[in-house]
Amino acid sequence: MITQLNEDDVQNLLDRNFDVDEAMSVLVSDLTYVRVGKQWNYVCFLLDLYNREIVGYSAGKRKDAALVRRAFASVKPSLGTVKIFHTDRGSEFKNLAIDELLSTNNIERSLSDKGNPYDNAVSEATFKILKTELINGLHFNTLEQLKLELFDYVHWYNNIRMHGTLGYVSPVFYRNSALKKIV
């Protein structure tokens, strides 16, 4: 069932269907805040629903479209297979800059229903994990320090950390094992 959004003509194409059979076909995203020095900074993740891998990320001082664009710029696999990009209704995601990026790559936008975090549960859960495993208990003095810690964390999260939804293997192991079955 496709749910119509309250104040926008963009539909909730994902509709909480978090099980995806094809790598890099559906990306979900969200932002979270992190204390750096005495100010809030922000982290954006792009997650592949297929294997819960963080395929792109960025950190910065502003919660804006530029932060999201930098996350897209960090994606190593081709965006050519991405069919859907799902997020909440934040202005950092729904704006002309992101519209242009999605249009250029022939990616359909999907937005959560207004005020419904369950529609983007995978992103929300990933940030809860990030805060539990990395952010809580650490003090970041500079944005550069946060970026270095994120680099290490994303590598660990993707390559080493076991995920229950993947049969207790890492996202990269899951992706690589699935590729072997196809060949």
N, C-alpha and C. Protein backbone atom coordinates (compact mmCIF):
# COMPACT_ATOMS: atom_id res chain seq x y z
N MET A 1 0.84 -1.18 0.00
CA MET A 1 0.00 0.00 0.00
C MET A 1 0.88 1.24 0.00
N ILE A 2 0.59 2.21 -0.82
CA ILE A 2 1.33 3.45 -0.87
C ILE A 2 0.56 4.49 -0.08
N THR A 3 1.25 5.10 0.87
CA THR A 3 0.63 6.08 1.75
C THR A 3 0.87 7.48 1.21
N GLN A 4 -0.15 8.29 1.13
CA GLN A 4 -0.02 9.68 0.68
C GLN A 4 0.47 10.55 1.83
N LEU A 5 1.41 11.44 1.56
CA LEU A 5 1.91 12.35 2.58
C LEU A 5 0.92 13.46 2.86
N ASN A 6 1.04 14.03 4.03
CA ASN A 6 0.11 15.07 4.46
C ASN A 6 0.18 16.33 3.61
N GLU A 7 1.37 16.92 3.43
CA GLU A 7 1.49 18.22 2.80
C GLU A 7 2.39 18.19 1.57
N ASP A 8 2.55 17.07 0.95
CA ASP A 8 3.44 16.96 -0.19
C ASP A 8 2.90 15.90 -1.13
N ASP A 9 3.24 16.02 -2.40
CA ASP A 9 2.77 15.03 -3.35
C ASP A 9 3.71 13.83 -3.46
N VAL A 10 4.79 13.81 -2.67
CA VAL A 10 5.71 12.67 -2.65
C VAL A 10 5.11 11.58 -1.76
N GLN A 11 5.12 10.37 -2.28
CA GLN A 11 4.51 9.26 -1.55
C GLN A 11 5.53 8.51 -0.70
N ASN A 12 5.03 7.74 0.24
CA ASN A 12 5.85 6.86 1.06
C ASN A 12 5.96 5.54 0.30
N LEU A 13 6.87 5.47 -0.65
CA LEU A 13 7.04 4.27 -1.48
C LEU A 13 7.55 3.08 -0.68
N LEU A 14 8.37 3.35 0.32
CA LEU A 14 8.95 2.27 1.12
C LEU A 14 7.88 1.59 1.96
N ASP A 15 7.01 2.38 2.56
CA ASP A 15 5.88 1.87 3.35
C ASP A 15 6.30 0.78 4.34
N ARG A 16 7.42 1.02 5.02
CA ARG A 16 7.98 0.12 6.03
C ARG A 16 8.37 -1.26 5.50
N ASN A 17 8.61 -1.39 4.22
CA ASN A 17 9.11 -2.63 3.66
C ASN A 17 10.63 -2.57 3.72
N PHE A 18 11.20 -3.00 4.83
CA PHE A 18 12.63 -2.87 5.08
C PHE A 18 13.45 -4.05 4.57
N ASP A 19 12.81 -5.05 4.01
CA ASP A 19 13.52 -6.20 3.45
C ASP A 19 13.64 -6.01 1.95
N VAL A 20 14.87 -5.88 1.49
CA VAL A 20 15.16 -5.59 0.09
C VAL A 20 16.05 -6.71 -0.45
N ASP A 21 15.77 -7.17 -1.66
CA ASP A 21 16.48 -8.30 -2.25
C ASP A 21 17.66 -7.92 -3.14
N GLU A 22 17.86 -6.65 -3.38
CA GLU A 22 18.89 -6.21 -4.33
C GLU A 22 19.77 -5.14 -3.69
N ALA A 23 21.09 -5.37 -3.73
CA ALA A 23 22.03 -4.39 -3.18
C ALA A 23 21.91 -3.06 -3.90
N MET A 24 22.06 -1.99 -3.15
CA MET A 24 22.07 -0.62 -3.67
C MET A 24 20.82 -0.29 -4.48
N SER A 25 19.69 -0.86 -4.11
CA SER A 25 18.45 -0.51 -4.79
C SER A 25 17.60 0.47 -3.97
N VAL A 26 17.71 0.40 -2.64
CA VAL A 26 16.98 1.31 -1.77
C VAL A 26 17.94 1.84 -0.71
N LEU A 27 18.08 3.15 -0.68
CA LEU A 27 18.88 3.81 0.35
C LEU A 27 17.93 4.55 1.29
N VAL A 28 18.23 4.49 2.58
CA VAL A 28 17.49 5.27 3.57
C VAL A 28 18.49 6.18 4.27
N SER A 29 18.00 7.28 4.79
CA SER A 29 18.90 8.25 5.41
C SER A 29 18.21 9.00 6.52
N ASP A 30 19.05 9.55 7.37
CA ASP A 30 18.60 10.45 8.42
C ASP A 30 19.83 11.19 8.94
N LEU A 31 19.59 12.11 9.84
CA LEU A 31 20.65 12.88 10.48
C LEU A 31 20.53 12.72 11.99
N THR A 32 21.65 12.89 12.66
CA THR A 32 21.64 12.97 14.11
C THR A 32 22.59 14.06 14.54
N TYR A 33 22.44 14.50 15.76
CA TYR A 33 23.29 15.57 16.28
C TYR A 33 24.34 14.98 17.23
N VAL A 34 25.51 15.66 17.26
CA VAL A 34 26.62 15.23 18.09
C VAL A 34 27.25 16.49 18.69
N ARG A 35 27.54 16.46 19.97
CA ARG A 35 28.20 17.59 20.63
C ARG A 35 29.68 17.59 20.23
N VAL A 36 30.10 18.70 19.66
CA VAL A 36 31.51 18.91 19.31
C VAL A 36 31.92 20.21 19.98
N GLY A 37 32.85 20.11 20.94
CA GLY A 37 33.18 21.28 21.74
C GLY A 37 31.94 21.69 22.50
N LYS A 38 31.49 22.91 22.27
CA LYS A 38 30.28 23.40 22.95
C LYS A 38 29.13 23.62 21.98
N GLN A 39 29.23 23.05 20.78
CA GLN A 39 28.19 23.24 19.77
C GLN A 39 27.70 21.89 19.26
N TRP A 40 26.51 21.92 18.67
CA TRP A 40 25.98 20.74 18.02
C TRP A 40 26.52 20.68 16.59
N ASN A 41 26.93 19.50 16.19
CA ASN A 41 27.28 19.20 14.81
C ASN A 41 26.40 18.04 14.40
N TYR A 42 26.45 17.69 13.12
CA TYR A 42 25.49 16.71 12.59
C TYR A 42 26.19 15.62 11.78
N VAL A 43 25.59 14.44 11.81
CA VAL A 43 26.06 13.30 11.04
C VAL A 43 24.91 12.83 10.15
N CYS A 44 25.24 12.56 8.89
CA CYS A 44 24.27 12.01 7.94
C CYS A 44 24.79 10.65 7.49
N PHE A 45 23.94 9.64 7.55
CA PHE A 45 24.26 8.31 7.02
C PHE A 45 23.35 8.01 5.85
N LEU A 46 23.89 7.32 4.84
CA LEU A 46 23.11 6.71 3.77
C LEU A 46 23.27 5.20 3.96
N LEU A 47 22.17 4.51 4.18
CA LEU A 47 22.19 3.07 4.45
C LEU A 47 21.56 2.30 3.30
N ASP A 48 22.23 1.23 2.90
CA ASP A 48 21.67 0.30 1.91
C ASP A 48 20.76 -0.66 2.66
N LEU A 49 19.47 -0.63 2.37
CA LEU A 49 18.54 -1.51 3.08
C LEU A 49 18.84 -2.99 2.85
N TYR A 50 19.46 -3.32 1.74
CA TYR A 50 19.75 -4.71 1.42
C TYR A 50 20.56 -5.39 2.52
N ASN A 51 21.62 -4.71 2.96
CA ASN A 51 22.51 -5.33 3.95
C ASN A 51 22.83 -4.41 5.13
N ARG A 52 22.11 -3.32 5.26
CA ARG A 52 22.27 -2.37 6.37
C ARG A 52 23.65 -1.72 6.38
N GLU A 53 24.34 -1.74 5.26
CA GLU A 53 25.67 -1.14 5.16
C GLU A 53 25.58 0.38 5.08
N ILE A 54 26.46 1.06 5.79
CA ILE A 54 26.58 2.51 5.66
C ILE A 54 27.40 2.75 4.39
N VAL A 55 26.73 3.14 3.30
CA VAL A 55 27.42 3.29 2.01
C VAL A 55 27.89 4.72 1.79
N GLY A 56 27.38 5.65 2.57
CA GLY A 56 27.81 7.04 2.48
C GLY A 56 27.55 7.73 3.80
N TYR A 57 28.40 8.69 4.11
CA TYR A 57 28.20 9.44 5.35
C TYR A 57 28.94 10.77 5.27
N SER A 58 28.53 11.69 6.13
CA SER A 58 29.21 12.97 6.25
C SER A 58 28.95 13.53 7.63
N ALA A 59 29.78 14.47 8.03
CA ALA A 59 29.61 15.18 9.29
C ALA A 59 29.88 16.65 9.03
N GLY A 60 29.15 17.51 9.72
CA GLY A 60 29.35 18.93 9.52
C GLY A 60 28.65 19.77 10.57
N LYS A 61 28.89 21.07 10.48
CA LYS A 61 28.35 22.02 11.46
C LYS A 61 26.90 22.38 11.20
N ARG A 62 26.42 22.12 9.99
CA ARG A 62 25.05 22.52 9.65
C ARG A 62 24.20 21.32 9.25
N LYS A 63 22.96 21.41 9.63
CA LYS A 63 21.96 20.40 9.26
C LYS A 63 21.28 20.91 8.00
N ASP A 64 21.89 20.58 6.83
CA ASP A 64 21.39 21.15 5.58
C ASP A 64 21.62 20.21 4.40
N ALA A 65 21.17 20.64 3.23
CA ALA A 65 21.29 19.82 2.02
C ALA A 65 22.75 19.55 1.67
N ALA A 66 23.65 20.47 1.99
CA ALA A 66 25.07 20.27 1.68
C ALA A 66 25.61 19.06 2.44
N LEU A 67 25.16 18.85 3.67
CA LEU A 67 25.57 17.69 4.46
C LEU A 67 25.11 16.40 3.77
N VAL A 68 23.88 16.40 3.27
CA VAL A 68 23.34 15.23 2.57
C VAL A 68 24.08 15.00 1.26
N ARG A 69 24.36 16.07 0.53
CA ARG A 69 25.10 15.95 -0.74
C ARG A 69 26.50 15.39 -0.51
N ARG A 70 27.15 15.81 0.57
CA ARG A 70 28.48 15.26 0.89
C ARG A 70 28.39 13.77 1.21
N ALA A 71 27.32 13.35 1.86
CA ALA A 71 27.13 11.92 2.12
C ALA A 71 27.00 11.16 0.80
N PHE A 72 26.21 11.71 -0.13
CA PHE A 72 26.08 11.08 -1.45
C PHE A 72 27.42 11.06 -2.18
N ALA A 73 28.20 12.11 -2.06
CA ALA A 73 29.50 12.19 -2.74
C ALA A 73 30.47 11.14 -2.21
N SER A 74 30.25 10.66 -0.99
CA SER A 74 31.15 9.65 -0.41
C SER A 74 30.79 8.22 -0.79
N VAL A 75 29.67 8.03 -1.47
CA VAL A 75 29.23 6.69 -1.86
C VAL A 75 30.17 6.14 -2.92
N LYS A 76 30.74 4.96 -2.66
CA LYS A 76 31.68 4.36 -3.61
C LYS A 76 30.98 3.56 -4.72
N PRO A 77 29.99 2.72 -4.37
CA PRO A 77 29.30 2.02 -5.46
C PRO A 77 28.53 3.01 -6.34
N SER A 78 28.27 2.61 -7.54
CA SER A 78 27.51 3.46 -8.45
C SER A 78 26.10 3.70 -7.92
N LEU A 79 25.62 4.90 -8.11
CA LEU A 79 24.24 5.21 -7.76
C LEU A 79 23.27 4.73 -8.83
N GLY A 80 23.80 4.16 -9.91
CA GLY A 80 22.99 3.75 -11.05
C GLY A 80 21.96 2.68 -10.75
N THR A 81 22.16 1.91 -9.70
CA THR A 81 21.20 0.85 -9.36
C THR A 81 20.18 1.30 -8.31
N VAL A 82 20.40 2.48 -7.71
CA VAL A 82 19.50 2.97 -6.67
C VAL A 82 18.17 3.38 -7.30
N LYS A 83 17.11 2.79 -6.80
CA LYS A 83 15.77 3.09 -7.31
C LYS A 83 15.02 4.06 -6.39
N ILE A 84 15.22 3.90 -5.07
CA ILE A 84 14.46 4.68 -4.10
C ILE A 84 15.41 5.25 -3.04
N PHE A 85 15.16 6.50 -2.69
CA PHE A 85 15.84 7.16 -1.57
C PHE A 85 14.77 7.58 -0.58
N HIS A 86 14.79 6.98 0.61
CA HIS A 86 13.75 7.21 1.61
C HIS A 86 14.31 7.96 2.82
N THR A 87 13.57 9.00 3.24
CA THR A 87 13.97 9.79 4.41
C THR A 87 12.73 10.27 5.15
N ASP A 88 13.00 10.99 6.22
CA ASP A 88 11.90 11.69 6.88
C ASP A 88 11.62 12.96 6.08
N ARG A 89 10.79 13.83 6.62
CA ARG A 89 10.33 15.00 5.88
C ARG A 89 11.16 16.26 6.13
N GLY A 90 12.36 16.11 6.69
CA GLY A 90 13.19 17.26 7.01
C GLY A 90 13.59 18.07 5.78
N SER A 91 13.75 19.37 5.97
CA SER A 91 14.08 20.26 4.85
C SER A 91 15.46 19.97 4.27
N GLU A 92 16.33 19.34 5.04
CA GLU A 92 17.64 18.99 4.52
C GLU A 92 17.55 17.90 3.44
N PHE A 93 16.44 17.17 3.41
CA PHE A 93 16.22 16.12 2.42
C PHE A 93 15.28 16.56 1.30
N LYS A 94 14.31 17.38 1.62
CA LYS A 94 13.30 17.78 0.63
C LYS A 94 13.56 19.23 0.23
N ASN A 95 14.40 19.38 -0.80
CA ASN A 95 14.77 20.71 -1.28
C ASN A 95 15.27 20.59 -2.72
N LEU A 96 15.49 21.70 -3.36
CA LEU A 96 15.89 21.70 -4.78
C LEU A 96 17.23 21.01 -5.02
N ALA A 97 18.20 21.19 -4.13
CA ALA A 97 19.52 20.58 -4.32
C ALA A 97 19.42 19.06 -4.32
N ILE A 98 18.67 18.50 -3.41
CA ILE A 98 18.51 17.05 -3.35
C ILE A 98 17.60 16.57 -4.47
N ASP A 99 16.57 17.36 -4.80
CA ASP A 99 15.73 17.02 -5.96
C ASP A 99 16.58 16.86 -7.21
N GLU A 100 17.51 17.78 -7.42
CA GLU A 100 18.37 17.74 -8.61
C GLU A 100 19.29 16.51 -8.59
N LEU A 101 19.87 16.23 -7.43
CA LEU A 101 20.74 15.05 -7.30
C LEU A 101 19.98 13.77 -7.62
N LEU A 102 18.77 13.65 -7.08
CA LEU A 102 17.96 12.45 -7.33
C LEU A 102 17.54 12.37 -8.78
N SER A 103 17.12 13.47 -9.34
CA SER A 103 16.70 13.50 -10.74
C SER A 103 17.84 13.12 -11.68
N THR A 104 19.02 13.66 -11.44
CA THR A 104 20.20 13.36 -12.25
C THR A 104 20.51 11.86 -12.25
N ASN A 105 20.26 11.20 -11.12
CA ASN A 105 20.56 9.77 -10.98
C ASN A 105 19.34 8.87 -11.15
N ASN A 106 18.21 9.45 -11.59
CA ASN A 106 16.97 8.69 -11.80
C ASN A 106 16.56 7.90 -10.56
N ILE A 107 16.60 8.55 -9.41
CA ILE A 107 16.23 7.94 -8.14
C ILE A 107 14.91 8.54 -7.68
N GLU A 108 13.97 7.68 -7.33
CA GLU A 108 12.67 8.15 -6.83
C GLU A 108 12.79 8.50 -5.36
N ARG A 109 12.12 9.56 -4.97
CA ARG A 109 12.09 9.97 -3.57
C ARG A 109 10.92 9.29 -2.87
N SER A 110 11.16 8.92 -1.62
CA SER A 110 10.12 8.39 -0.76
C SER A 110 10.26 9.10 0.58
N LEU A 111 9.17 9.64 1.09
CA LEU A 111 9.21 10.34 2.37
C LEU A 111 8.30 9.67 3.39
N SER A 112 8.77 9.61 4.62
CA SER A 112 7.95 9.09 5.71
C SER A 112 6.72 9.95 5.89
N ASP A 113 5.70 9.37 6.46
CA ASP A 113 4.53 10.16 6.84
C ASP A 113 4.95 11.15 7.93
N LYS A 114 4.31 12.29 7.96
CA LYS A 114 4.65 13.34 8.90
C LYS A 114 4.57 12.85 10.34
N GLY A 115 5.67 13.08 11.08
CA GLY A 115 5.70 12.74 12.49
C GLY A 115 5.72 11.26 12.81
N ASN A 116 6.13 10.43 11.84
CA ASN A 116 6.10 8.98 12.05
C ASN A 116 7.51 8.39 11.92
N PRO A 117 8.27 8.30 13.02
CA PRO A 117 9.63 7.78 12.95
C PRO A 117 9.70 6.29 12.58
N TYR A 118 8.61 5.56 12.75
CA TYR A 118 8.60 4.13 12.41
C TYR A 118 8.76 3.92 10.90
N ASP A 119 8.40 4.91 10.10
CA ASP A 119 8.55 4.80 8.64
C ASP A 119 10.01 4.82 8.21
N ASN A 120 10.89 5.26 9.10
CA ASN A 120 12.32 5.30 8.80
C ASN A 120 13.08 4.59 9.92
N ALA A 121 12.53 3.48 10.37
CA ALA A 121 13.03 2.77 11.55
C ALA A 121 14.46 2.28 11.42
N VAL A 122 14.89 1.87 10.24
CA VAL A 122 16.25 1.37 10.07
C VAL A 122 17.26 2.49 10.32
N SER A 123 17.00 3.67 9.79
CA SER A 123 17.90 4.80 10.04
C SER A 123 17.89 5.18 11.51
N GLU A 124 16.70 5.25 12.09
CA GLU A 124 16.59 5.61 13.50
C GLU A 124 17.36 4.61 14.37
N ALA A 125 17.22 3.33 14.10
CA ALA A 125 17.90 2.30 14.88
C ALA A 125 19.41 2.37 14.71
N THR A 126 19.86 2.67 13.50
CA THR A 126 21.30 2.77 13.24
C THR A 126 21.90 3.92 14.03
N PHE A 127 21.20 5.04 14.12
CA PHE A 127 21.72 6.15 14.91
C PHE A 127 21.70 5.85 16.40
N LYS A 128 20.73 5.07 16.85
CA LYS A 128 20.73 4.65 18.25
C LYS A 128 21.96 3.81 18.54
N ILE A 129 22.29 2.91 17.60
CA ILE A 129 23.48 2.08 17.73
C ILE A 129 24.74 2.95 17.73
N LEU A 130 24.82 3.91 16.81
CA LEU A 130 25.97 4.81 16.74
C LEU A 130 26.16 5.54 18.07
N LYS A 131 25.08 6.04 18.62
CA LYS A 131 25.19 6.79 19.87
C LYS A 131 25.61 5.88 21.03
N THR A 132 25.10 4.66 21.04
CA THR A 132 25.45 3.72 22.10
C THR A 132 26.89 3.25 21.97
N GLU A 133 27.32 2.93 20.76
CA GLU A 133 28.63 2.32 20.56
C GLU A 133 29.77 3.33 20.39
N LEU A 134 29.47 4.54 19.97
CA LEU A 134 30.56 5.50 19.73
C LEU A 134 30.38 6.82 20.47
N ILE A 135 29.28 7.48 20.26
CA ILE A 135 29.15 8.86 20.69
C ILE A 135 29.02 9.01 22.20
N ASN A 136 28.16 8.21 22.83
CA ASN A 136 28.01 8.31 24.29
C ASN A 136 29.32 7.94 24.97
N GLY A 137 29.78 8.80 25.83
CA GLY A 137 31.02 8.53 26.54
C GLY A 137 32.24 9.17 25.92
N LEU A 138 32.15 9.64 24.68
CA LEU A 138 33.28 10.32 24.04
C LEU A 138 33.02 11.81 24.01
N HIS A 139 34.09 12.57 24.10
CA HIS A 139 33.99 14.01 23.95
C HIS A 139 34.80 14.40 22.71
N PHE A 140 34.14 15.03 21.76
CA PHE A 140 34.79 15.47 20.53
C PHE A 140 35.14 16.94 20.67
N ASN A 141 36.43 17.25 20.59
CA ASN A 141 36.88 18.64 20.70
C ASN A 141 36.72 19.40 19.40
N THR A 142 36.87 18.68 18.27
CA THR A 142 36.80 19.33 16.96
C THR A 142 35.99 18.48 16.00
N LEU A 143 35.52 19.11 14.94
CA LEU A 143 34.81 18.39 13.89
C LEU A 143 35.75 17.38 13.23
N GLU A 144 37.01 17.72 13.08
CA GLU A 144 37.98 16.79 12.48
C GLU A 144 38.11 15.52 13.32
N GLN A 145 38.10 15.67 14.64
CA GLN A 145 38.16 14.50 15.52
C GLN A 145 36.93 13.62 15.31
N LEU A 146 35.76 14.23 15.23
CA LEU A 146 34.53 13.48 14.98
C LEU A 146 34.63 12.74 13.65
N LYS A 147 35.11 13.41 12.60
CA LYS A 147 35.23 12.78 11.28
C LYS A 147 36.17 11.59 11.31
N LEU A 148 37.29 11.71 12.02
CA LEU A 148 38.23 10.58 12.13
C LEU A 148 37.60 9.40 12.86
N GLU A 149 36.91 9.69 13.95
CA GLU A 149 36.23 8.62 14.70
C GLU A 149 35.14 7.96 13.85
N LEU A 150 34.40 8.77 13.09
CA LEU A 150 33.37 8.22 12.21
C LEU A 150 33.96 7.32 11.13
N PHE A 151 35.08 7.73 10.55
CA PHE A 151 35.75 6.92 9.53
C PHE A 151 36.05 5.52 10.08
N ASP A 152 36.65 5.47 11.27
CA ASP A 152 36.97 4.18 11.89
C ASP A 152 35.70 3.41 12.24
N TYR A 153 34.71 4.10 12.78
CA TYR A 153 33.48 3.44 13.18
C TYR A 153 32.75 2.83 11.98
N VAL A 154 32.63 3.59 10.90
CA VAL A 154 31.93 3.09 9.71
C VAL A 154 32.64 1.86 9.15
N HIS A 155 33.96 1.88 9.14
CA HIS A 155 34.71 0.70 8.67
C HIS A 155 34.41 -0.50 9.57
N TRP A 156 34.44 -0.30 10.88
CA TRP A 156 34.16 -1.37 11.81
C TRP A 156 32.71 -1.86 11.66
N TYR A 157 31.78 -0.92 11.60
CA TYR A 157 30.36 -1.25 11.48
C TYR A 157 30.09 -2.08 10.23
N ASN A 158 30.67 -1.69 9.12
CA ASN A 158 30.42 -2.38 7.84
C ASN A 158 31.16 -3.70 7.71
N ASN A 159 32.36 -3.81 8.26
CA ASN A 159 33.22 -4.96 7.99
C ASN A 159 33.34 -5.96 9.14
N ILE A 160 33.07 -5.53 10.36
CA ILE A 160 33.33 -6.40 11.51
C ILE A 160 32.07 -6.63 12.35
N ARG A 161 31.32 -5.59 12.61
CA ARG A 161 30.17 -5.69 13.51
C ARG A 161 29.12 -6.67 12.96
N MET A 162 28.71 -7.60 13.80
CA MET A 162 27.68 -8.57 13.40
C MET A 162 26.30 -7.94 13.55
N HIS A 163 25.39 -8.26 12.62
CA HIS A 163 24.03 -7.74 12.62
C HIS A 163 23.04 -8.89 12.69
N GLY A 164 22.17 -8.84 13.68
CA GLY A 164 21.17 -9.89 13.85
C GLY A 164 20.27 -10.07 12.64
N THR A 165 19.90 -8.97 11.98
CA THR A 165 19.01 -9.07 10.82
C THR A 165 19.69 -9.73 9.63
N LEU A 166 21.02 -9.87 9.70
CA LEU A 166 21.78 -10.48 8.59
C LEU A 166 22.29 -11.88 8.96
N GLY A 167 21.74 -12.47 9.99
CA GLY A 167 22.20 -13.80 10.42
C GLY A 167 23.52 -13.72 11.16
N TYR A 168 23.77 -12.62 11.84
CA TYR A 168 24.96 -12.40 12.65
C TYR A 168 26.26 -12.45 11.84
N VAL A 169 26.23 -11.77 10.69
CA VAL A 169 27.44 -11.50 9.92
C VAL A 169 27.49 -10.00 9.66
N SER A 170 28.62 -9.52 9.21
CA SER A 170 28.75 -8.09 8.93
C SER A 170 28.07 -7.75 7.59
N PRO A 171 27.72 -6.49 7.38
CA PRO A 171 27.11 -6.09 6.11
C PRO A 171 27.96 -6.44 4.89
N VAL A 172 29.25 -6.22 4.96
CA VAL A 172 30.12 -6.52 3.82
C VAL A 172 30.20 -8.02 3.58
N PHE A 173 30.31 -8.80 4.65
CA PHE A 173 30.32 -10.26 4.50
C PHE A 173 29.03 -10.73 3.86
N TYR A 174 27.90 -10.20 4.33
CA TYR A 174 26.59 -10.57 3.78
C TYR A 174 26.52 -10.25 2.29
N ARG A 175 26.93 -9.04 1.92
CA ARG A 175 26.91 -8.63 0.51
C ARG A 175 27.81 -9.52 -0.33
N ASN A 176 29.02 -9.78 0.15
CA ASN A 176 29.96 -10.61 -0.60
C ASN A 176 29.50 -12.06 -0.71
N SER A 177 28.89 -12.59 0.35
CA SER A 177 28.37 -13.96 0.32
C SER A 177 27.22 -14.08 -0.66
N ALA A 178 26.37 -13.07 -0.70
CA ALA A 178 25.26 -13.08 -1.64
C ALA A 178 25.76 -13.01 -3.06
N LEU A 179 26.82 -12.25 -3.32
CA LEU A 179 27.39 -12.16 -4.67
C LEU A 179 27.95 -13.52 -5.11
N LYS A 180 28.56 -14.26 -4.19
CA LYS A 180 29.11 -15.57 -4.51
C LYS A 180 28.01 -16.55 -4.91
N LYS A 181 26.84 -16.43 -4.27
CA LYS A 181 25.73 -17.32 -4.58
C LYS A 181 25.19 -17.06 -5.98
N ILE A 182 25.28 -15.81 -6.43
CA ILE A 182 24.76 -15.45 -7.75
C ILE A 182 25.68 -15.96 -8.86
N VAL A 183 27.00 -15.90 -8.61
CA VAL A 183 27.98 -16.24 -9.65
C VAL A 183 28.07 -17.73 -9.87
